Protein backbone atom coordinates (compact mmCIF):
# COMPACT_ATOMS: atom_id res chain seq x y z
CA UNK A 1 0.00 0.00 0.00
CA UNK A 2 1.51 3.35 -1.05
CA UNK A 3 1.52 6.47 1.13
CA UNK A 4 -1.39 8.06 -0.74
CA UNK A 5 -3.61 5.01 -0.21
CA UNK A 6 -2.61 4.83 3.44
CA UNK A 7 -3.54 8.49 3.98
CA UNK A 8 -6.88 7.93 2.25
CA UNK A 9 -7.57 4.88 4.39
CA UNK A 10 -6.73 6.56 7.72
CA UNK A 11 -8.72 9.68 6.80
CA UNK A 12 -11.85 7.79 5.83
CA UNK A 13 -11.72 5.39 8.77
CA UNK A 14 -11.29 8.26 11.21
CA UNK A 15 -14.09 10.02 9.36
CA UNK A 16 -16.26 6.93 9.87
CA UNK A 17 -15.68 7.19 13.62
CA UNK A 18 -16.67 10.88 13.66
CA UNK A 19 -19.66 10.29 11.38
CA UNK A 20 -20.98 7.61 13.73
CA UNK A 21 -20.70 9.99 16.68
CA UNK A 22 -22.48 12.76 14.78
CA UNK A 23 -25.24 10.48 13.56
CA UNK A 24 -26.17 9.19 17.00
CA UNK A 25 -25.91 12.66 18.53
CA UNK A 26 -28.42 13.98 15.96
CA UNK A 27 -30.70 11.07 16.76
CA UNK A 28 -30.48 11.71 20.51
CA UNK A 29 -30.97 15.44 19.98
CA UNK A 30 -34.22 14.94 18.11
CA UNK A 31 -35.54 12.50 20.70
CA UNK A 32 -34.55 14.77 23.58
CA UNK A 33 -36.01 17.91 22.01
CA UNK A 34 -39.27 16.11 21.25
CA UNK A 35 -39.50 14.80 24.81
CA UNK A 36 -38.72 18.24 26.21
CA UNK A 37 -41.34 19.99 24.07
CA UNK A 38 -44.10 17.38 23.96
CA UNK A 39 -43.43 14.99 26.84
CA UNK A 40 -43.92 11.20 26.53
CA UNK A 41 -40.22 10.40 26.14
CA UNK A 42 -40.78 6.70 25.42
CA UNK A 43 -43.03 7.45 22.45
CA UNK A 44 -40.84 10.15 20.95
CA UNK A 45 -37.52 8.33 21.37
CA UNK A 46 -39.07 5.19 19.86
CA UNK A 47 -40.48 7.22 16.97
CA UNK A 48 -37.20 9.02 16.27
CA UNK A 49 -35.10 5.84 16.49
CA UNK A 50 -37.49 3.95 14.23
CA UNK A 51 -37.61 6.70 11.61
CA UNK A 52 -33.88 7.27 11.77
CA UNK A 53 -32.92 3.61 11.38
CA UNK A 54 -35.39 2.93 8.58
CA UNK A 55 -34.22 6.07 6.77
CA UNK A 56 -30.63 4.88 7.05
CA UNK A 57 -31.74 1.67 5.36
CA UNK A 58 -33.31 3.71 2.57
CA UNK A 59 -30.09 5.69 2.26
CA UNK A 60 -28.01 2.52 2.03
CA UNK A 61 -30.30 1.28 -0.75
CA UNK A 62 -30.13 4.60 -2.60
CA UNK A 63 -26.32 4.55 -2.53
CA UNK A 64 -26.35 2.02 -5.39
CA UNK A 65 -27.45 4.77 -7.75
CA UNK A 66 -24.24 6.72 -7.14
CA UNK A 67 -22.13 4.96 -9.74
CA UNK A 68 -19.16 7.29 -10.13
CA UNK A 69 -17.43 10.30 -8.57
CA UNK A 70 -17.86 8.72 -5.15
CA UNK A 71 -15.44 11.13 -3.50
CA UNK A 72 -17.46 14.12 -4.71
CA UNK A 73 -20.69 12.55 -3.43
CA UNK A 74 -19.11 11.88 -0.03
CA UNK A 75 -17.91 15.48 0.44
CA UNK A 76 -21.27 16.86 -0.71
CA UNK A 77 -23.02 14.62 1.80
CA UNK A 78 -20.87 15.97 4.63
CA UNK A 79 -21.73 19.52 3.67
CA UNK A 80 -25.46 18.79 3.51
CA UNK A 81 -25.45 16.90 6.82
CA UNK A 82 -23.42 19.69 8.42
CA UNK A 83 -26.08 22.23 7.45
CA UNK A 84 -29.16 20.18 8.34
CA UNK A 85 -27.67 18.50 11.41
CA UNK A 86 -26.07 21.69 12.66
CA UNK A 87 -29.29 23.65 12.41
CA UNK A 88 -31.61 20.76 13.35
CA UNK A 89 -32.16 21.90 16.96
CA UNK A 90 -32.92 25.46 15.84
CA UNK A 91 -35.30 24.19 13.14
CA UNK A 92 -37.23 22.02 15.60
CA UNK A 93 -37.44 24.64 18.35
CA UNK A 94 -38.52 27.27 15.82
CA UNK A 95 -41.14 24.97 14.30
CA UNK A 96 -42.66 24.30 17.71
CA UNK A 97 -42.65 27.93 18.85
CA UNK A 98 -43.69 29.74 15.67
CA UNK A 99 -45.10 27.37 13.04
CA UNK A 100 -47.21 25.08 15.23
CA UNK A 101 -46.49 22.06 13.03
CA UNK A 102 -43.68 20.44 14.94
CA UNK A 103 -44.32 16.82 14.01
CA UNK A 104 -44.03 17.48 10.27
CA UNK A 105 -40.64 19.13 10.73
CA UNK A 106 -39.50 16.35 13.07
CA UNK A 107 -40.35 13.74 10.43
CA UNK A 108 -38.68 15.71 7.63
CA UNK A 109 -35.46 16.38 9.57
CA UNK A 110 -35.23 12.81 10.87
CA UNK A 111 -35.87 11.17 7.50
CA UNK A 112 -33.53 13.53 5.63
CA UNK A 113 -30.67 13.11 8.11
CA UNK A 114 -31.17 9.36 8.40
CA UNK A 115 -31.21 8.91 4.63
CA UNK A 116 -28.01 10.92 4.11
CA UNK A 117 -26.25 9.13 6.95
CA UNK A 118 -27.33 5.81 5.46
CA UNK A 119 -25.59 6.64 2.19
CA UNK A 120 -22.24 7.36 3.88
CA UNK A 121 -21.09 3.92 5.00
CA UNK A 122 -21.65 2.19 1.62
CA UNK A 123 -19.77 5.05 -0.06
CA UNK A 124 -16.82 4.73 2.32
CA UNK A 125 -16.64 0.98 1.76
CA UNK A 126 -16.66 1.45 -2.01
CA UNK A 127 -14.01 4.21 -1.90
CA UNK A 128 -11.76 1.98 0.22
CA UNK A 129 -12.20 -1.13 -1.91
CA UNK A 130 -8.76 -0.64 -3.50
CA UNK A 131 -7.02 -0.67 -0.12
CA UNK A 132 -8.36 -3.87 1.45
CA UNK A 133 -10.23 -7.03 0.71
CA UNK A 134 -13.99 -6.79 1.09
CA UNK A 135 -14.15 -8.66 4.41
CA UNK A 136 -11.39 -6.53 5.98
CA UNK A 137 -12.88 -3.35 4.57
CA UNK A 138 -16.34 -4.05 5.95
CA UNK A 139 -15.05 -5.14 9.37
CA UNK A 140 -12.91 -2.00 9.73
CA UNK A 141 -15.68 0.38 8.74
CA UNK A 142 -18.43 -1.20 10.83
CA UNK A 143 -16.18 -1.64 13.88
CA UNK A 144 -15.38 2.08 13.92
CA UNK A 145 -19.01 2.92 13.21
CA UNK A 146 -20.24 0.97 16.24
CA UNK A 147 -17.44 2.24 18.51
CA UNK A 148 -18.29 5.80 17.50
CA UNK A 149 -21.94 5.19 18.35
CA UNK A 150 -20.98 3.96 21.83
CA UNK A 151 -18.78 7.02 22.34
CA UNK A 152 -21.68 9.30 21.37
CA UNK A 153 -24.11 7.47 23.65
CA UNK A 154 -21.84 8.17 26.63
CA UNK A 155 -20.84 11.67 25.58
CA UNK A 156 -24.38 12.98 25.05
CA UNK A 157 -25.85 12.65 28.57
CA UNK A 158 -22.62 12.99 30.55
CA UNK A 159 -20.96 15.95 28.79
CA UNK A 160 -22.85 17.49 25.89
CA UNK A 161 -26.29 18.24 27.34
CA UNK A 162 -25.05 19.38 30.78
CA UNK A 163 -22.20 21.52 29.42
CA UNK A 164 -23.43 22.75 26.04
CA UNK A 165 -27.19 22.33 25.98
CA UNK A 166 -29.18 21.15 22.97
CA UNK A 167 -28.72 24.11 20.63
CA UNK A 168 -24.95 24.41 21.01
CA UNK A 169 -24.51 20.64 20.71
CA UNK A 170 -26.33 20.73 17.38
CA UNK A 171 -24.05 23.43 15.94
CA UNK A 172 -20.87 21.80 17.30
CA UNK A 173 -21.61 18.48 15.64
CA UNK A 174 -22.54 20.18 12.41
CA UNK A 175 -18.96 21.47 12.46
CA UNK A 176 -17.69 17.94 13.09
CA UNK A 177 -19.44 16.76 9.93
CA UNK A 178 -17.94 19.68 8.06
CA UNK A 179 -14.52 18.73 9.44
CA UNK A 180 -14.96 15.23 7.99
CA UNK A 181 -15.80 16.83 4.66
CA UNK A 182 -12.69 19.01 4.91
CA UNK A 183 -10.50 15.98 5.66
CA UNK A 184 -11.95 14.16 2.66
CA UNK A 185 -11.42 17.21 0.46
CA UNK A 186 -7.76 17.42 1.54
CA UNK A 187 -7.24 13.82 0.41
CA UNK A 188 -9.22 14.13 -2.84
CA UNK A 189 -8.57 17.80 -3.68
CA UNK A 190 -7.07 16.90 -7.06
CA UNK A 191 -10.44 15.41 -8.00
CA UNK A 192 -12.63 18.09 -6.45
CA UNK A 193 -11.09 21.53 -6.86
CA UNK A 194 -11.20 24.59 -4.63
CA UNK A 195 -14.88 25.44 -5.09
CA UNK A 196 -15.81 22.83 -2.49
CA UNK A 197 -13.45 24.46 -0.01
CA UNK A 198 -15.15 27.81 -0.56
CA UNK A 199 -18.60 26.32 0.06
CA UNK A 200 -17.36 24.64 3.24
CA UNK A 201 -15.98 27.97 4.43
CA UNK A 202 -19.40 29.58 4.01
CA UNK A 203 -21.07 26.70 5.89
CA UNK A 204 -18.47 26.98 8.65
CA UNK A 205 -19.22 30.68 9.06
CA UNK A 206 -22.95 29.94 9.33
CA UNK A 207 -22.38 27.24 11.95
CA UNK A 208 -19.97 29.38 13.98
CA UNK A 209 -22.45 32.26 13.91
CA UNK A 210 -25.19 29.91 15.10
CA UNK A 211 -22.95 28.60 17.87
CA UNK A 212 -21.99 32.07 19.08
CA UNK A 213 -25.61 33.25 18.99
CA UNK A 214 -27.12 30.03 20.34
CA UNK A 215 -27.83 31.34 23.85
CA UNK A 216 -29.55 34.36 22.33
CA UNK A 217 -31.59 32.15 20.00
CA UNK A 218 -32.58 29.86 22.87
CA UNK A 219 -33.73 32.81 24.99
CA UNK A 220 -35.90 34.18 22.17
CA UNK A 221 -37.54 30.83 21.50
CA UNK A 222 -38.03 29.94 25.17
CA UNK A 223 -39.66 33.31 25.85
CA UNK A 224 -42.08 32.45 23.06
CA UNK A 225 -42.82 29.07 24.66
CA UNK A 226 -43.72 30.46 28.08
CA UNK A 227 -46.51 32.90 28.96
CA UNK A 228 -44.41 34.97 31.37
CA UNK A 229 -40.90 36.42 31.22
CA UNK A 230 -38.07 34.00 31.90
CA UNK A 231 -35.94 35.19 34.82
CA UNK A 232 -33.85 32.03 35.18
CA UNK A 233 -32.94 29.21 32.80
CA UNK A 234 -30.37 26.48 33.27
CA UNK A 235 -29.63 23.06 31.81
CA UNK A 236 -28.34 20.98 34.71
CA UNK A 237 -26.80 17.53 34.58
CA UNK A 238 -30.29 16.10 34.98
CA UNK A 239 -32.90 18.49 33.59
CA UNK A 240 -33.80 21.89 32.19
CA UNK A 241 -34.90 24.43 34.83
CA UNK A 242 -36.99 27.48 33.93
CA UNK A 243 -38.35 30.15 36.28
CA UNK A 244 -40.79 32.75 34.92
CA UNK A 245 -42.22 35.89 36.49
CA UNK A 246 -44.99 38.36 35.77
CA UNK A 247 -46.27 40.98 38.21
CA UNK A 248 -44.87 39.04 41.16
CA UNK A 249 -46.32 35.72 40.01
CA UNK A 250 -43.61 33.04 39.89
CA UNK A 251 -43.83 29.79 37.93
CA UNK A 252 -41.25 27.01 38.03
CA UNK A 253 -40.78 24.48 35.21
CA UNK A 254 -38.70 21.32 34.86
CA UNK A 255 -38.23 20.05 31.31
CA UNK A 256 -41.13 22.20 30.18
CA UNK A 257 -43.59 20.83 32.78
CA UNK A 258 -44.85 23.24 35.42
CA UNK A 259 -43.91 22.34 39.00
CA UNK A 260 -45.67 25.14 40.83
CA UNK A 261 -47.34 28.52 40.44
CA UNK A 262 -46.78 30.88 43.36
CA UNK A 263 -50.37 32.08 43.18
CA UNK A 264 -51.76 28.74 44.38
CA UNK A 265 -48.89 26.40 45.28
CA UNK A 266 -49.82 26.63 48.98
CA UNK A 267 -52.95 24.54 48.35
CA UNK A 268 -50.92 21.60 47.13
CA UNK A 269 -48.11 21.83 49.67
CA UNK A 270 -50.38 22.35 52.66
CA UNK A 271 -52.53 19.36 51.73
CA UNK A 272 -49.39 17.32 51.09
CA UNK A 273 -47.67 18.06 54.39
CA UNK A 274 -50.18 18.77 57.15
CA UNK A 275 -52.25 15.55 57.07
CA UNK A 276 -49.05 13.52 57.40
CA UNK A 277 -47.63 15.75 60.13
CA UNK A 278 -50.87 15.68 62.14
CA UNK A 279 -51.03 11.90 61.87
CA UNK A 280 -47.40 11.29 62.90
CA UNK A 281 -46.79 10.45 66.56
CA UNK A 282 -43.42 12.20 66.61
CA UNK A 283 -41.81 15.06 64.70
CA UNK A 284 -38.32 14.38 65.97
CA UNK A 285 -37.02 13.27 62.57
CA UNK A 286 -38.70 14.17 59.28
CA UNK A 287 -37.69 12.94 55.82
CA UNK A 288 -38.73 14.78 52.65
CA UNK A 289 -38.04 12.98 49.38
CA UNK A 290 -37.95 15.37 46.46
CA UNK A 291 -39.23 18.86 47.10
CA UNK A 292 -36.01 20.61 46.18
CA UNK A 293 -37.92 23.90 45.88
CA UNK A 294 -38.34 23.97 49.68
CA UNK A 295 -42.11 24.55 49.63
CA UNK A 296 -42.96 21.34 51.50
CA UNK A 297 -40.02 22.05 53.80
CA UNK A 298 -41.54 25.44 54.59
CA UNK A 299 -44.73 23.77 55.78
CA UNK A 300 -42.87 21.18 57.85
CA UNK A 301 -40.88 23.85 59.67
CA UNK A 302 -44.10 25.46 60.90
CA UNK A 303 -44.19 22.77 63.61
CA UNK A 304 -42.19 23.97 66.60
CA UNK A 305 -41.45 20.46 67.90
CA UNK A 306 -39.45 19.52 64.80
CA UNK A 307 -36.13 17.93 65.74
CA UNK A 308 -34.45 17.62 62.35
CA UNK A 309 -35.45 17.50 58.70
CA UNK A 310 -33.57 15.65 55.97
CA UNK A 311 -34.47 16.68 52.43
CA UNK A 312 -33.32 14.37 49.64
CA UNK A 313 -33.29 15.73 46.09
CA UNK A 314 -31.21 14.40 43.22
CA UNK A 315 -30.33 17.71 41.57
CA UNK A 316 -28.13 20.08 43.62
CA UNK A 317 -28.88 22.88 41.16
CA UNK A 318 -32.50 23.01 42.37
CA UNK A 319 -31.76 23.10 46.10
CA UNK A 320 -29.00 25.67 45.56
CA UNK A 321 -31.31 27.82 43.41
CA UNK A 322 -34.11 27.86 45.98
CA UNK A 323 -31.68 28.49 48.80
CA UNK A 324 -29.71 31.35 47.24
CA UNK A 325 -32.05 33.12 44.82
CA UNK A 326 -33.53 36.13 46.61
CA UNK A 327 -36.88 35.86 44.85
CA UNK A 328 -37.33 32.12 45.25
CA UNK A 329 -36.13 31.80 48.83
CA UNK A 330 -38.85 34.25 49.86
CA UNK A 331 -41.43 31.76 48.58
CA UNK A 332 -40.10 29.00 50.85
CA UNK A 333 -39.55 31.46 53.74
CA UNK A 334 -35.78 30.83 53.67
CA UNK A 335 -36.44 27.24 54.75
CA UNK A 336 -33.00 26.02 53.67
CA UNK A 337 -31.42 28.46 56.13
CA UNK A 338 -32.79 26.59 59.14
CA UNK A 339 -30.19 24.79 61.26
CA UNK A 340 -32.64 21.92 61.57
CA UNK A 341 -32.39 21.14 57.85
CA UNK A 342 -29.94 18.78 56.16
CA UNK A 343 -29.94 18.60 52.35
CA UNK A 344 -28.78 15.39 50.68
CA UNK A 345 -28.31 15.55 46.90
CA UNK A 346 -28.63 11.89 46.03
CA UNK A 347 -30.94 9.47 44.30
CA UNK A 348 -33.79 8.84 46.73
CA UNK A 349 -33.75 5.06 46.31
CA UNK A 350 -30.04 4.91 47.03
CA UNK A 351 -30.52 7.09 50.09
CA UNK A 352 -33.26 4.82 51.41
CA UNK A 353 -31.14 1.72 50.78
CA UNK A 354 -28.04 3.08 52.50
CA UNK A 355 -29.40 5.34 55.26
CA UNK A 356 -28.79 4.08 58.78
CA UNK A 357 -31.55 6.30 60.18
CA UNK A 358 -34.38 4.44 58.47
């Protein structure tokens, strides 16, 4: 194998790894956005996965009709996927907020991305056919494809969503697809010419602009989604937190679902806490599972004979928010400031299994 063939092989195999990561990230993005906007995560993830996989099968079948200039087709695919994948989160959020026809856009984006991604692997195998035997070629490509998918599956929930959020993740991985196209162009530039490089530069500028402006875009769209002004928004390691306010009325949302409205939350929390407290023989030790907003804790602390209260909530961002935010801690009467209160940020089931006090 000469040096040119070796460079082509390494470039395309590394590109396969990156393509696999990008493909699964787009799939997870669409499922997550749909669950966030519409709820019913099982239905929407199943729908997205089914559409995506079947579309990849269609793409693999369609690849047979690309009979020549495979390198050109591969680079063009990367550019198209970079645009659609990079802007996919923005497209879906915009469709939900402004067009009111979210499902149609979800189907179109999923099918289009899945089809284009399905074309890629057969193209890579055919381009590499001169370097290896068919069995070695297929095993190399599919091994890297599956490893890349595993990498994406771990990266998405542990790093991407908590650190970047959905919109920024979309733009970042659009740039990864464009990077694969750039690598392929560098190997096949004698066949392609500089016009492809110019187009990729324009796409890169669009994606970078989207990335830089993503927080601004998210704020505009989220303000459209909620009735009142957003005064706090954060994507934590576990969920998306939104607090809205209008004329002193506070509403708290987790993943788009309302958790309480300050105008009437007392009805729920009083009926939740006081029957249990009046029935209990002793108030020496009280355990609250969940309730990171401190509203139930506020009601518990109204009993003067309370010895200690342990509040268990998985997400430290919520308990910290309702302890330190000057607007929100007024709603819970600064309950987290009581020396009787211990906050444990842990999964409730694990706490129950391991606690020596129960």
